[in-house]
Amino acid sequence: MLTVEKLKDFGANTAEGLSRCINKEDFYIRMVNMVLADKNFDRLARAVADNDVKNAFEACHALKGATGNVSLTPIYEPVCALTEQLRGATELGDVSAHYNQIMDAHERLKKLAE
């Protein structure tokens, strides 16, 4: 089960995230859980596997907004970096560093939510 303390330990900027959720912890946790279930993580994985730069960029861009809104810094920062790497790209190139950071942080967060 997610708590604000667990999210803080994960590296989320919980003060900022809570302020965006009118300082209501239950609302903030609900929003974080929505990010955890975001299908754009799967979309990004498929796009990387398929070498599909367009869908990879679109998934990253969506995740950038979702993770930024709740200040999930360990996911947000590599998502931002990958979004910029893919912006205007015609080939996927080597995205492994940022992609692995995103997916590893997502998995860690999912374990915290159990």
PDB file of N, CA and C in Angstrom:
ATOM      1  N   MET A   1       0.845  -1.181   0.000  1.00  0.00           N
ATOM      2  CA  MET A   1       0.000   0.000   0.000  1.00  0.00           C
ATOM      3  C   MET A   1       0.892   1.247   0.000  1.00  0.00           C
ATOM      4  N   LEU A   2       0.579   2.133  -0.885  1.00  0.00           N
ATOM      5  CA  LEU A   2       1.353   3.367  -0.980  1.00  0.00           C
ATOM      6  C   LEU A   2       1.012   4.321   0.159  1.00  0.00           C
ATOM      7  N   THR A   3       2.035   4.999   0.620  1.00  0.00           N
ATOM      8  CA  THR A   3       1.861   6.070   1.591  1.00  0.00           C
ATOM      9  C   THR A   3       2.726   7.240   1.130  1.00  0.00           C
ATOM     10  N   VAL A   4       2.470   8.395   1.661  1.00  0.00           N
ATOM     11  CA  VAL A   4       3.282   9.563   1.334  1.00  0.00           C
ATOM     12  C   VAL A   4       4.724   9.318   1.769  1.00  0.00           C
ATOM     13  N   GLU A   5       4.900   8.675   2.916  1.00  0.00           N
ATOM     14  CA  GLU A   5       6.257   8.389   3.399  1.00  0.00           C
ATOM     15  C   GLU A   5       7.004   7.455   2.452  1.00  0.00           C
ATOM     16  N   LYS A   6       6.341   6.417   1.960  1.00  0.00           N
ATOM     17  CA  LYS A   6       6.970   5.506   1.002  1.00  0.00           C
ATOM     18  C   LYS A   6       7.338   6.247  -0.279  1.00  0.00           C
ATOM     19  N   LEU A   7       6.468   7.129  -0.717  1.00  0.00           N
ATOM     20  CA  LEU A   7       6.742   7.902  -1.934  1.00  0.00           C
ATOM     21  C   LEU A   7       7.923   8.842  -1.730  1.00  0.00           C
ATOM     22  N   LYS A   8       8.008   9.411  -0.546  1.00  0.00           N
ATOM     23  CA  LYS A   8       9.140  10.287  -0.224  1.00  0.00           C
ATOM     24  C   LYS A   8      10.438   9.485  -0.241  1.00  0.00           C
ATOM     25  N   ASP A   9      10.413   8.293   0.354  1.00  0.00           N
ATOM     26  CA  ASP A   9      11.584   7.416   0.358  1.00  0.00           C
ATOM     27  C   ASP A   9      11.953   6.967  -1.056  1.00  0.00           C
ATOM     28  N   PHE A  10      10.973   6.820  -1.913  1.00  0.00           N
ATOM     29  CA  PHE A  10      11.180   6.453  -3.312  1.00  0.00           C
ATOM     30  C   PHE A  10      11.914   7.568  -4.067  1.00  0.00           C
ATOM     31  N   GLY A  11      11.742   8.796  -3.580  1.00  0.00           N
ATOM     32  CA  GLY A  11      12.391   9.941  -4.213  1.00  0.00           C
ATOM     33  C   GLY A  11      11.430  10.931  -4.833  1.00  0.00           C
ATOM     34  N   ALA A  12      10.135  10.705  -4.632  1.00  0.00           N
ATOM     35  CA  ALA A  12       9.132  11.636  -5.147  1.00  0.00           C
ATOM     36  C   ALA A  12       9.197  12.940  -4.356  1.00  0.00           C
ATOM     37  N   ASN A  13       8.922  14.021  -5.029  1.00  0.00           N
ATOM     38  CA  ASN A  13       8.820  15.319  -4.360  1.00  0.00           C
ATOM     39  C   ASN A  13       7.391  15.417  -3.837  1.00  0.00           C
ATOM     40  N   THR A  14       7.164  14.794  -2.691  1.00  0.00           N
ATOM     41  CA  THR A  14       5.805  14.680  -2.171  1.00  0.00           C
ATOM     42  C   THR A  14       5.197  16.033  -1.788  1.00  0.00           C
ATOM     43  N   ALA A  15       6.004  16.960  -1.339  1.00  0.00           N
ATOM     44  CA  ALA A  15       5.471  18.283  -0.987  1.00  0.00           C
ATOM     45  C   ALA A  15       4.875  18.942  -2.230  1.00  0.00           C
ATOM     46  N   GLU A  16       5.604  18.871  -3.329  1.00  0.00           N
ATOM     47  CA  GLU A  16       5.120  19.450  -4.579  1.00  0.00           C
ATOM     48  C   GLU A  16       3.898  18.689  -5.094  1.00  0.00           C
ATOM     49  N   GLY A  17       3.973  17.351  -5.071  1.00  0.00           N
ATOM     50  CA  GLY A  17       2.847  16.539  -5.529  1.00  0.00           C
ATOM     51  C   GLY A  17       1.593  16.777  -4.715  1.00  0.00           C
ATOM     52  N   LEU A  18       1.764  16.833  -3.399  1.00  0.00           N
ATOM     53  CA  LEU A  18       0.611  17.101  -2.535  1.00  0.00           C
ATOM     54  C   LEU A  18       0.020  18.475  -2.806  1.00  0.00           C
ATOM     55  N   SER A  19       0.875  19.459  -3.049  1.00  0.00           N
ATOM     56  CA  SER A  19       0.356  20.808  -3.299  1.00  0.00           C
ATOM     57  C   SER A  19      -0.493  20.824  -4.573  1.00  0.00           C
ATOM     58  N   ARG A  20      -0.153  20.001  -5.535  1.00  0.00           N
ATOM     59  CA  ARG A  20      -0.957  19.917  -6.764  1.00  0.00           C
ATOM     60  C   ARG A  20      -2.267  19.188  -6.522  1.00  0.00           C
ATOM     61  N   CYS A  21      -2.332  18.465  -5.426  1.00  0.00           N
ATOM     62  CA  CYS A  21      -3.537  17.700  -5.072  1.00  0.00           C
ATOM     63  C   CYS A  21      -4.227  18.326  -3.862  1.00  0.00           C
ATOM     64  N   ILE A  22      -4.174  19.626  -3.800  1.00  0.00           N
ATOM     65  CA  ILE A  22      -4.778  20.447  -2.753  1.00  0.00           C
ATOM     66  C   ILE A  22      -4.490  19.912  -1.345  1.00  0.00           C
ATOM     67  N   ASN A  23      -3.259  19.376  -1.178  1.00  0.00           N
ATOM     68  CA  ASN A  23      -2.764  18.860   0.095  1.00  0.00           C
ATOM     69  C   ASN A  23      -3.640  17.765   0.701  1.00  0.00           C
ATOM     70  N   LYS A  24      -4.323  17.037  -0.157  1.00  0.00           N
ATOM     71  CA  LYS A  24      -5.143  15.911   0.299  1.00  0.00           C
ATOM     72  C   LYS A  24      -4.401  14.619  -0.014  1.00  0.00           C
ATOM     73  N   GLU A  25      -3.907  13.972   1.044  1.00  0.00           N
ATOM     74  CA  GLU A  25      -3.096  12.773   0.874  1.00  0.00           C
ATOM     75  C   GLU A  25      -3.834  11.672   0.119  1.00  0.00           C
ATOM     76  N   ASP A  26      -5.099  11.444   0.439  1.00  0.00           N
ATOM     77  CA  ASP A  26      -5.838  10.377  -0.236  1.00  0.00           C
ATOM     78  C   ASP A  26      -5.977  10.661  -1.733  1.00  0.00           C
ATOM     79  N   PHE A  27      -6.169  11.911  -2.101  1.00  0.00           N
ATOM     80  CA  PHE A  27      -6.265  12.299  -3.507  1.00  0.00           C
ATOM     81  C   PHE A  27      -4.918  12.106  -4.199  1.00  0.00           C
ATOM     82  N   TYR A  28      -3.852  12.508  -3.520  1.00  0.00           N
ATOM     83  CA  TYR A  28      -2.501  12.355  -4.069  1.00  0.00           C
ATOM     84  C   TYR A  28      -2.182  10.881  -4.320  1.00  0.00           C
ATOM     85  N   ILE A  29      -2.460  10.033  -3.345  1.00  0.00           N
ATOM     86  CA  ILE A  29      -2.197   8.594  -3.486  1.00  0.00           C
ATOM     87  C   ILE A  29      -3.036   8.019  -4.628  1.00  0.00           C
ATOM     88  N   ARG A  30      -4.264   8.441  -4.726  1.00  0.00           N
ATOM     89  CA  ARG A  30      -5.138   7.981  -5.818  1.00  0.00           C
ATOM     90  C   ARG A  30      -4.556   8.375  -7.172  1.00  0.00           C
ATOM     91  N   MET A  31      -4.031   9.594  -7.273  1.00  0.00           N
ATOM     92  CA  MET A  31      -3.428  10.058  -8.525  1.00  0.00           C
ATOM     93  C   MET A  31      -2.154   9.275  -8.847  1.00  0.00           C
ATOM     94  N   VAL A  32      -1.350   8.983  -7.844  1.00  0.00           N
ATOM     95  CA  VAL A  32      -0.135   8.180  -8.059  1.00  0.00           C
ATOM     96  C   VAL A  32      -0.527   6.780  -8.538  1.00  0.00           C
ATOM     97  N   ASN A  33      -1.548   6.203  -7.945  1.00  0.00           N
ATOM     98  CA  ASN A  33      -2.015   4.885  -8.384  1.00  0.00           C
ATOM     99  C   ASN A  33      -2.504   4.911  -9.829  1.00  0.00           C
ATOM    100  N   MET A  34      -3.095   6.005 -10.239  1.00  0.00           N
ATOM    101  CA  MET A  34      -3.512   6.141 -11.637  1.00  0.00           C
ATOM    102  C   MET A  34      -2.288   6.153 -12.559  1.00  0.00           C
ATOM    103  N   VAL A  35      -1.235   6.814 -12.134  1.00  0.00           N
ATOM    104  CA  VAL A  35       0.002   6.819 -12.923  1.00  0.00           C
ATOM    105  C   VAL A  35       0.574   5.410 -12.991  1.00  0.00           C
ATOM    106  N   LEU A  36       0.555   4.701 -11.885  1.00  0.00           N
ATOM    107  CA  LEU A  36       1.062   3.327 -11.874  1.00  0.00           C
ATOM    108  C   LEU A  36       0.354   2.450 -12.899  1.00  0.00           C
ATOM    109  N   ALA A  37      -0.927   2.676 -13.091  1.00  0.00           N
ATOM    110  CA  ALA A  37      -1.722   1.875 -14.015  1.00  0.00           C
ATOM    111  C   ALA A  37      -1.722   2.433 -15.436  1.00  0.00           C
ATOM    112  N   ASP A  38      -1.020   3.513 -15.674  1.00  0.00           N
ATOM    113  CA  ASP A  38      -1.012   4.165 -16.984  1.00  0.00           C
ATOM    114  C   ASP A  38      -0.512   3.197 -18.062  1.00  0.00           C
ATOM    115  N   LYS A  39      -1.307   3.006 -19.088  1.00  0.00           N
ATOM    116  CA  LYS A  39      -0.981   2.089 -20.190  1.00  0.00           C
ATOM    117  C   LYS A  39       0.173   2.596 -21.045  1.00  0.00           C
ATOM    118  N   ASN A  40       0.597   3.825 -20.846  1.00  0.00           N
ATOM    119  CA  ASN A  40       1.709   4.343 -21.632  1.00  0.00           C
ATOM    120  C   ASN A  40       3.041   3.689 -21.270  1.00  0.00           C
ATOM    121  N   PHE A  41       3.140   3.074 -20.101  1.00  0.00           N
ATOM    122  CA  PHE A  41       4.349   2.301 -19.791  1.00  0.00           C
ATOM    123  C   PHE A  41       4.432   1.103 -20.733  1.00  0.00           C
ATOM    124  N   ASP A  42       3.297   0.409 -20.916  1.00  0.00           N
ATOM    125  CA  ASP A  42       3.252  -0.723 -21.851  1.00  0.00           C
ATOM    126  C   ASP A  42       3.445  -0.250 -23.286  1.00  0.00           C
ATOM    127  N   ARG A  43       2.839   0.867 -23.619  1.00  0.00           N
ATOM    128  CA  ARG A  43       2.981   1.419 -24.966  1.00  0.00           C
ATOM    129  C   ARG A  43       4.443   1.755 -25.261  1.00  0.00           C
ATOM    130  N   LEU A  44       5.127   2.332 -24.285  1.00  0.00           N
ATOM    131  CA  LEU A  44       6.537   2.653 -24.450  1.00  0.00           C
ATOM    132  C   LEU A  44       7.346   1.372 -24.655  1.00  0.00           C
ATOM    133  N   ALA A  45       7.079   0.353 -23.851  1.00  0.00           N
ATOM    134  CA  ALA A  45       7.805  -0.916 -23.977  1.00  0.00           C
ATOM    135  C   ALA A  45       7.601  -1.530 -25.360  1.00  0.00           C
ATOM    136  N   ARG A  46       6.365  -1.531 -25.832  1.00  0.00           N
ATOM    137  CA  ARG A  46       6.095  -2.072 -27.175  1.00  0.00           C
ATOM    138  C   ARG A  46       6.795  -1.259 -28.247  1.00  0.00           C
ATOM    139  N   ALA A  47       6.752   0.051 -28.111  1.00  0.00           N
ATOM    140  CA  ALA A  47       7.366   0.921 -29.120  1.00  0.00           C
ATOM    141  C   ALA A  47       8.879   0.711 -29.169  1.00  0.00           C
ATOM    142  N   VAL A  48       9.508   0.577 -28.021  1.00  0.00           N
ATOM    143  CA  VAL A  48      10.951   0.340 -27.990  1.00  0.00           C
ATOM    144  C   VAL A  48      11.258  -1.019 -28.618  1.00  0.00           C
ATOM    145  N   ALA A  49      10.483  -2.033 -28.264  1.00  0.00           N
ATOM    146  CA  ALA A  49      10.685  -3.373 -28.837  1.00  0.00           C
ATOM    147  C   ALA A  49      10.489  -3.377 -30.346  1.00  0.00           C
ATOM    148  N   ASP A  50       9.554  -2.549 -30.826  1.00  0.00           N
ATOM    149  CA  ASP A  50       9.243  -2.479 -32.260  1.00  0.00           C
ATOM    150  C   ASP A  50      10.062  -1.430 -32.998  1.00  0.00           C
ATOM    151  N   ASN A  51      10.941  -0.734 -32.278  1.00  0.00           N
ATOM    152  CA  ASN A  51      11.753   0.332 -32.885  1.00  0.00           C
ATOM    153  C   ASN A  51      10.866   1.419 -33.505  1.00  0.00           C
ATOM    154  N   ASP A  52       9.792   1.758 -32.795  1.00  0.00           N
ATOM    155  CA  ASP A  52       8.772   2.701 -33.266  1.00  0.00           C
ATOM    156  C   ASP A  52       8.954   4.047 -32.555  1.00  0.00           C
ATOM    157  N   VAL A  53       9.687   4.946 -33.202  1.00  0.00           N
ATOM    158  CA  VAL A  53      10.030   6.220 -32.579  1.00  0.00           C
ATOM    159  C   VAL A  53       8.799   7.079 -32.310  1.00  0.00           C
ATOM    160  N   LYS A  54       7.819   7.068 -33.213  1.00  0.00           N
ATOM    161  CA  LYS A  54       6.621   7.899 -33.053  1.00  0.00           C
ATOM    162  C   LYS A  54       5.844   7.509 -31.793  1.00  0.00           C
ATOM    163  N   ASN A  55       5.559   6.227 -31.637  1.00  0.00           N
ATOM    164  CA  ASN A  55       4.808   5.785 -30.462  1.00  0.00           C
ATOM    165  C   ASN A  55       5.633   5.886 -29.192  1.00  0.00           C
ATOM    166  N   ALA A  56       6.928   5.678 -29.291  1.00  0.00           N
ATOM    167  CA  ALA A  56       7.786   5.849 -28.119  1.00  0.00           C
ATOM    168  C   ALA A  56       7.737   7.301 -27.646  1.00  0.00           C
ATOM    169  N   PHE A  57       7.833   8.238 -28.581  1.00  0.00           N
ATOM    170  CA  PHE A  57       7.776   9.651 -28.210  1.00  0.00           C
ATOM    171  C   PHE A  57       6.422   9.998 -27.589  1.00  0.00           C
ATOM    172  N   GLU A  58       5.338   9.548 -28.221  1.00  0.00           N
ATOM    173  CA  GLU A  58       4.004   9.870 -27.716  1.00  0.00           C
ATOM    174  C   GLU A  58       3.778   9.284 -26.325  1.00  0.00           C
ATOM    175  N   ALA A  59       4.238   8.052 -26.094  1.00  0.00           N
ATOM    176  CA  ALA A  59       4.092   7.436 -24.774  1.00  0.00           C
ATOM    177  C   ALA A  59       4.909   8.214 -23.744  1.00  0.00           C
ATOM    178  N   CYS A  60       6.145   8.561 -24.114  1.00  0.00           N
ATOM    179  CA  CYS A  60       7.005   9.329 -23.195  1.00  0.00           C
ATOM    180  C   CYS A  60       6.395  10.686 -22.871  1.00  0.00           C
ATOM    181  N   HIS A  61       5.892  11.333 -23.882  1.00  0.00           N
ATOM    182  CA  HIS A  61       5.323  12.668 -23.673  1.00  0.00           C
ATOM    183  C   HIS A  61       4.133  12.594 -22.716  1.00  0.00           C
ATOM    184  N   ALA A  62       3.298  11.571 -22.880  1.00  0.00           N
ATOM    185  CA  ALA A  62       2.156  11.393 -21.982  1.00  0.00           C
ATOM    186  C   ALA A  62       2.626  11.085 -20.560  1.00  0.00           C
ATOM    187  N   LEU A  63       3.638  10.230 -20.441  1.00  0.00           N
ATOM    188  CA  LEU A  63       4.165   9.894 -19.116  1.00  0.00           C
ATOM    189  C   LEU A  63       4.839  11.082 -18.459  1.00  0.00           C
ATOM    190  N   LYS A  64       5.420  11.943 -19.260  1.00  0.00           N
ATOM    191  CA  LYS A  64       6.046  13.155 -18.724  1.00  0.00           C
ATOM    192  C   LYS A  64       5.006  13.993 -17.980  1.00  0.00           C
ATOM    193  N   GLY A  65       3.857  14.174 -18.594  1.00  0.00           N
ATOM    194  CA  GLY A  65       2.792  14.936 -17.946  1.00  0.00           C
ATOM    195  C   GLY A  65       2.246  14.240 -16.713  1.00  0.00           C
ATOM    196  N   ALA A  66       2.001  12.935 -16.836  1.00  0.00           N
ATOM    197  CA  ALA A  66       1.405  12.182 -15.733  1.00  0.00           C
ATOM    198  C   ALA A  66       2.338  12.121 -14.522  1.00  0.00           C
ATOM    199  N   THR A  67       3.611  11.805 -14.763  1.00  0.00           N
ATOM    200  CA  THR A  67       4.545  11.684 -13.649  1.00  0.00           C
ATOM    201  C   THR A  67       4.931  13.047 -13.086  1.00  0.00           C
ATOM    202  N   GLY A  68       4.936  14.049 -13.936  1.00  0.00           N
ATOM    203  CA  GLY A  68       5.242  15.396 -13.479  1.00  0.00           C
ATOM    204  C   GLY A  68       4.150  15.962 -12.590  1.00  0.00           C
ATOM    205  N   ASN A  69       2.913  15.656 -12.914  1.00  0.00           N
ATOM    206  CA  ASN A  69       1.789  16.170 -12.123  1.00  0.00           C
ATOM    207  C   ASN A  69       1.831  15.710 -10.673  1.00  0.00           C
ATOM    208  N   VAL A  70       2.356  14.513 -10.441  1.00  0.00           N
ATOM    209  CA  VAL A  70       2.415  13.999  -9.070  1.00  0.00           C
ATOM    210  C   VAL A  70       3.856  13.944  -8.554  1.00  0.00           C
ATOM    211  N   SER A  71       4.756  14.560  -9.298  1.00  0.00           N
ATOM    212  CA  SER A  71       6.157  14.737  -8.881  1.00  0.00           C
ATOM    213  C   SER A  71       6.867  13.430  -8.556  1.00  0.00           C
ATOM    214  N   LEU A  72       6.701  12.450  -9.439  1.00  0.00           N
ATOM    215  CA  LEU A  72       7.397  11.175  -9.288  1.00  0.00           C
ATOM    216  C   LEU A  72       8.778  11.295  -9.923  1.00  0.00           C
ATOM    217  N   THR A  73       9.640  12.013  -9.273  1.00  0.00           N
ATOM    218  CA  THR A  73      10.954  12.404  -9.791  1.00  0.00           C
ATOM    219  C   THR A  73      11.775  11.252 -10.362  1.00  0.00           C
ATOM    220  N   PRO A  74      11.852  10.086  -9.705  1.00  0.00           N
ATOM    221  CA  PRO A  74      12.680   9.011 -10.260  1.00  0.00           C
ATOM    222  C   PRO A  74      12.193   8.487 -11.619  1.00  0.00           C
ATOM    223  N   ILE A  75      10.937   8.703 -11.934  1.00  0.00           N
ATOM    224  CA  ILE A  75      10.420   8.340 -13.254  1.00  0.00           C
ATOM    225  C   ILE A  75      10.407   9.572 -14.155  1.00  0.00           C
ATOM    226  N   TYR A  76       9.990  10.687 -13.598  1.00  0.00           N
ATOM    227  CA  TYR A  76       9.846  11.921 -14.369  1.00  0.00           C
ATOM    228  C   TYR A  76      11.152  12.359 -15.042  1.00  0.00           C
ATOM    229  N   GLU A  77      12.247  12.342 -14.308  1.00  0.00           N
ATOM    230  CA  GLU A  77      13.510  12.846 -14.879  1.00  0.00           C
ATOM    231  C   GLU A  77      13.980  12.040 -16.083  1.00  0.00           C
ATOM    232  N   PRO A  78      14.026  10.685 -16.016  1.00  0.00           N
ATOM    233  CA  PRO A  78      14.427   9.963 -17.225  1.00  0.00           C
ATOM    234  C   PRO A  78      13.376  10.035 -18.338  1.00  0.00           C
ATOM    235  N   VAL A  79      12.103  10.179 -17.973  1.00  0.00           N
ATOM    236  CA  VAL A  79      11.059  10.349 -18.996  1.00  0.00           C
ATOM    237  C   VAL A  79      11.295  11.657 -19.747  1.00  0.00           C
ATOM    238  N   CYS A  80      11.608  12.723 -19.015  1.00  0.00           N
ATOM    239  CA  CYS A  80      11.899  14.011 -19.665  1.00  0.00           C
ATOM    240  C   CYS A  80      13.098  13.877 -20.605  1.00  0.00           C
ATOM    241  N   ALA A  81      14.145  13.217 -20.120  1.00  0.00           N
ATOM    242  CA  ALA A  81      15.349  13.050 -20.936  1.00  0.00           C
ATOM    243  C   ALA A  81      15.047  12.241 -22.190  1.00  0.00           C
ATOM    244  N   LEU A  82      14.280  11.166 -22.056  1.00  0.00           N
ATOM    245  CA  LEU A  82      13.953  10.345 -23.217  1.00  0.00           C
ATOM    246  C   LEU A  82      13.011  11.079 -24.162  1.00  0.00           C
ATOM    247  N   THR A  83      12.079  11.833 -23.620  1.00  0.00           N
ATOM    248  CA  THR A  83      11.179  12.626 -24.467  1.00  0.00           C
ATOM    249  C   THR A  83      11.990  13.570 -25.348  1.00  0.00           C
ATOM    250  N   GLU A  84      12.956  14.244 -24.761  1.00  0.00           N
ATOM    251  CA  GLU A  84      13.778  15.181 -25.535  1.00  0.00           C
ATOM    252  C   GLU A  84      14.682  14.446 -26.531  1.00  0.00           C
ATOM    253  N   GLN A  85      15.169  13.278 -26.141  1.00  0.00           N
ATOM    254  CA  GLN A  85      15.992  12.481 -27.055  1.00  0.00           C
ATOM    255  C   GLN A  85      15.185  12.069 -28.286  1.00  0.00           C
ATOM    256  N   LEU A  86      13.904  11.789 -28.084  1.00  0.00           N
ATOM    257  CA  LEU A  86      13.053  11.315 -29.181  1.00  0.00           C
ATOM    258  C   LEU A  86      12.389  12.441 -29.965  1.00  0.00           C
ATOM    259  N   ARG A  87      12.319  13.622 -29.392  1.00  0.00           N
ATOM    260  CA  ARG A  87      11.646  14.746 -30.057  1.00  0.00           C
ATOM    261  C   ARG A  87      12.319  15.015 -31.409  1.00  0.00           C
ATOM    262  N   GLY A  88      11.552  14.874 -32.463  1.00  0.00           N
ATOM    263  CA  GLY A  88      12.047  15.144 -33.812  1.00  0.00           C
ATOM    264  C   GLY A  88      12.940  14.056 -34.374  1.00  0.00           C
ATOM    265  N   ALA A  89      13.149  12.969 -33.629  1.00  0.00           N
ATOM    266  CA  ALA A  89      14.008  11.889 -34.109  1.00  0.00           C
ATOM    267  C   ALA A  89      13.310  11.097 -35.214  1.00  0.00           C
ATOM    268  N   THR A  90      14.095  10.570 -36.124  1.00  0.00           N
ATOM    269  CA  THR A  90      13.556   9.715 -37.172  1.00  0.00           C
ATOM    270  C   THR A  90      13.892   8.250 -36.924  1.00  0.00           C
ATOM    271  N   GLU A  91      14.826   8.011 -36.013  1.00  0.00           N
ATOM    272  CA  GLU A  91      15.186   6.657 -35.610  1.00  0.00           C
ATOM    273  C   GLU A  91      15.223   6.601 -34.090  1.00  0.00           C
ATOM    274  N   LEU A  92      14.931   5.437 -33.546  1.00  0.00           N
ATOM    275  CA  LEU A  92      14.898   5.292 -32.093  1.00  0.00           C
ATOM    276  C   LEU A  92      16.286   5.463 -31.484  1.00  0.00           C
ATOM    277  N   GLY A  93      17.289   4.904 -32.097  1.00  0.00           N
ATOM    278  CA  GLY A  93      18.638   5.016 -31.545  1.00  0.00           C
ATOM    279  C   GLY A  93      18.772   4.255 -30.236  1.00  0.00           C
ATOM    280  N   ASP A  94      19.829   4.535 -29.506  1.00  0.00           N
ATOM    281  CA  ASP A  94      20.077   3.855 -28.234  1.00  0.00           C
ATOM    282  C   ASP A  94      19.355   4.605 -27.115  1.00  0.00           C
ATOM    283  N   VAL A  95      18.240   4.050 -26.708  1.00  0.00           N
ATOM    284  CA  VAL A  95      17.437   4.660 -25.647  1.00  0.00           C
ATOM    285  C   VAL A  95      17.557   3.875 -24.343  1.00  0.00           C
ATOM    286  N   SER A  96      18.435   2.887 -24.317  1.00  0.00           N
ATOM    287  CA  SER A  96      18.462   1.929 -23.212  1.00  0.00           C
ATOM    288  C   SER A  96      18.680   2.570 -21.843  1.00  0.00           C
ATOM    289  N   ALA A  97      19.553   3.551 -21.751  1.00  0.00           N
ATOM    290  CA  ALA A  97      19.844   4.132 -20.433  1.00  0.00           C
ATOM    291  C   ALA A  97      18.594   4.746 -19.811  1.00  0.00           C
ATOM    292  N   HIS A  98      17.951   5.650 -20.532  1.00  0.00           N
ATOM    293  CA  HIS A  98      16.748   6.308 -19.996  1.00  0.00           C
ATOM    294  C   HIS A  98      15.585   5.321 -19.870  1.00  0.00           C
ATOM    295  N   TYR A  99      15.421   4.485 -20.890  1.00  0.00           N
ATOM    296  CA  TYR A  99      14.331   3.511 -20.875  1.00  0.00           C
ATOM    297  C   TYR A  99      14.447   2.593 -19.661  1.00  0.00           C
ATOM    298  N   ASN A 100      15.643   2.071 -19.401  1.00  0.00           N
ATOM    299  CA  ASN A 100      15.838   1.176 -18.258  1.00  0.00           C
ATOM    300  C   ASN A 100      15.584   1.890 -16.936  1.00  0.00           C
ATOM    301  N   GLN A 101      15.985   3.150 -16.828  1.00  0.00           N
ATOM    302  CA  GLN A 101      15.712   3.919 -15.603  1.00  0.00           C
ATOM    303  C   GLN A 101      14.210   4.061 -15.386  1.00  0.00           C
ATOM    304  N   ILE A 102      13.490   4.357 -16.458  1.00  0.00           N
ATOM    305  CA  ILE A 102      12.028   4.526 -16.372  1.00  0.00           C
ATOM    306  C   ILE A 102      11.375   3.231 -15.904  1.00  0.00           C
ATOM    307  N   MET A 103      11.703   2.147 -16.579  1.00  0.00           N
ATOM    308  CA  MET A 103      11.043   0.883 -16.285  1.00  0.00           C
ATOM    309  C   MET A 103      11.452   0.338 -14.912  1.00  0.00           C
ATOM    310  N   ASP A 104      12.709   0.516 -14.531  1.00  0.00           N
ATOM    311  CA  ASP A 104      13.150   0.074 -13.205  1.00  0.00           C
ATOM    312  C   ASP A 104      12.432   0.860 -12.106  1.00  0.00           C
ATOM    313  N   ALA A 105      12.336   2.171 -12.270  1.00  0.00           N
ATOM    314  CA  ALA A 105      11.646   2.996 -11.273  1.00  0.00           C
ATOM    315  C   ALA A 105      10.172   2.638 -11.215  1.00  0.00           C
ATOM    316  N   HIS A 106       9.559   2.375 -12.361  1.00  0.00           N
ATOM    317  CA  HIS A 106       8.151   1.976 -12.398  1.00  0.00           C
ATOM    318  C   HIS A 106       7.962   0.666 -11.632  1.00  0.00           C
ATOM    319  N   GLU A 107       8.846  -0.285 -11.829  1.00  0.00           N
ATOM    320  CA  GLU A 107       8.761  -1.569 -11.113  1.00  0.00           C
ATOM    321  C   GLU A 107       8.947  -1.376  -9.606  1.00  0.00           C
ATOM    322  N   ARG A 108       9.902  -0.545  -9.221  1.00  0.00           N
ATOM    323  CA  ARG A 108      10.115  -0.276  -7.789  1.00  0.00           C
ATOM    324  C   ARG A 108       8.864   0.335  -7.168  1.00  0.00           C
ATOM    325  N   LEU A 109       8.259   1.264  -7.895  1.00  0.00           N
ATOM    326  CA  LEU A 109       7.051   1.918  -7.387  1.00  0.00           C
ATOM    327  C   LEU A 109       5.897   0.926  -7.289  1.00  0.00           C
ATOM    328  N   LYS A 110       5.766   0.043  -8.258  1.00  0.00           N
ATOM    329  CA  LYS A 110       4.717  -0.967  -8.207  1.00  0.00           C
ATOM    330  C   LYS A 110       4.888  -1.871  -6.982  1.00  0.00           C
ATOM    331  N   LYS A 111       6.114  -2.210  -6.658  1.00  0.00           N
ATOM    332  CA  LYS A 111       6.379  -3.035  -5.465  1.00  0.00           C
ATOM    333  C   LYS A 111       5.997  -2.293  -4.186  1.00  0.00           C
ATOM    334  N   LEU A 112       6.238  -0.991  -4.157  1.00  0.00           N
ATOM    335  CA  LEU A 112       5.844  -0.191  -2.985  1.00  0.00           C
ATOM    336  C   LEU A 112       4.329  -0.165  -2.808  1.00  0.00           C
ATOM    337  N   ALA A 113       3.616  -0.278  -3.908  1.00  0.00           N
ATOM    338  CA  ALA A 113       2.153  -0.179  -3.873  1.00  0.00           C
ATOM    339  C   ALA A 113       1.498  -1.498  -3.458  1.00  0.00           C
ATOM    340  N   GLU A 114       2.271  -2.565  -3.442  1.00  0.00           N
ATOM    341  CA  GLU A 114       1.692  -3.883  -3.083  1.00  0.00           C
ATOM    342  C   GLU A 114       1.291  -3.963  -1.632  1.00  0.00           C
TER     343      GLU A 114
END
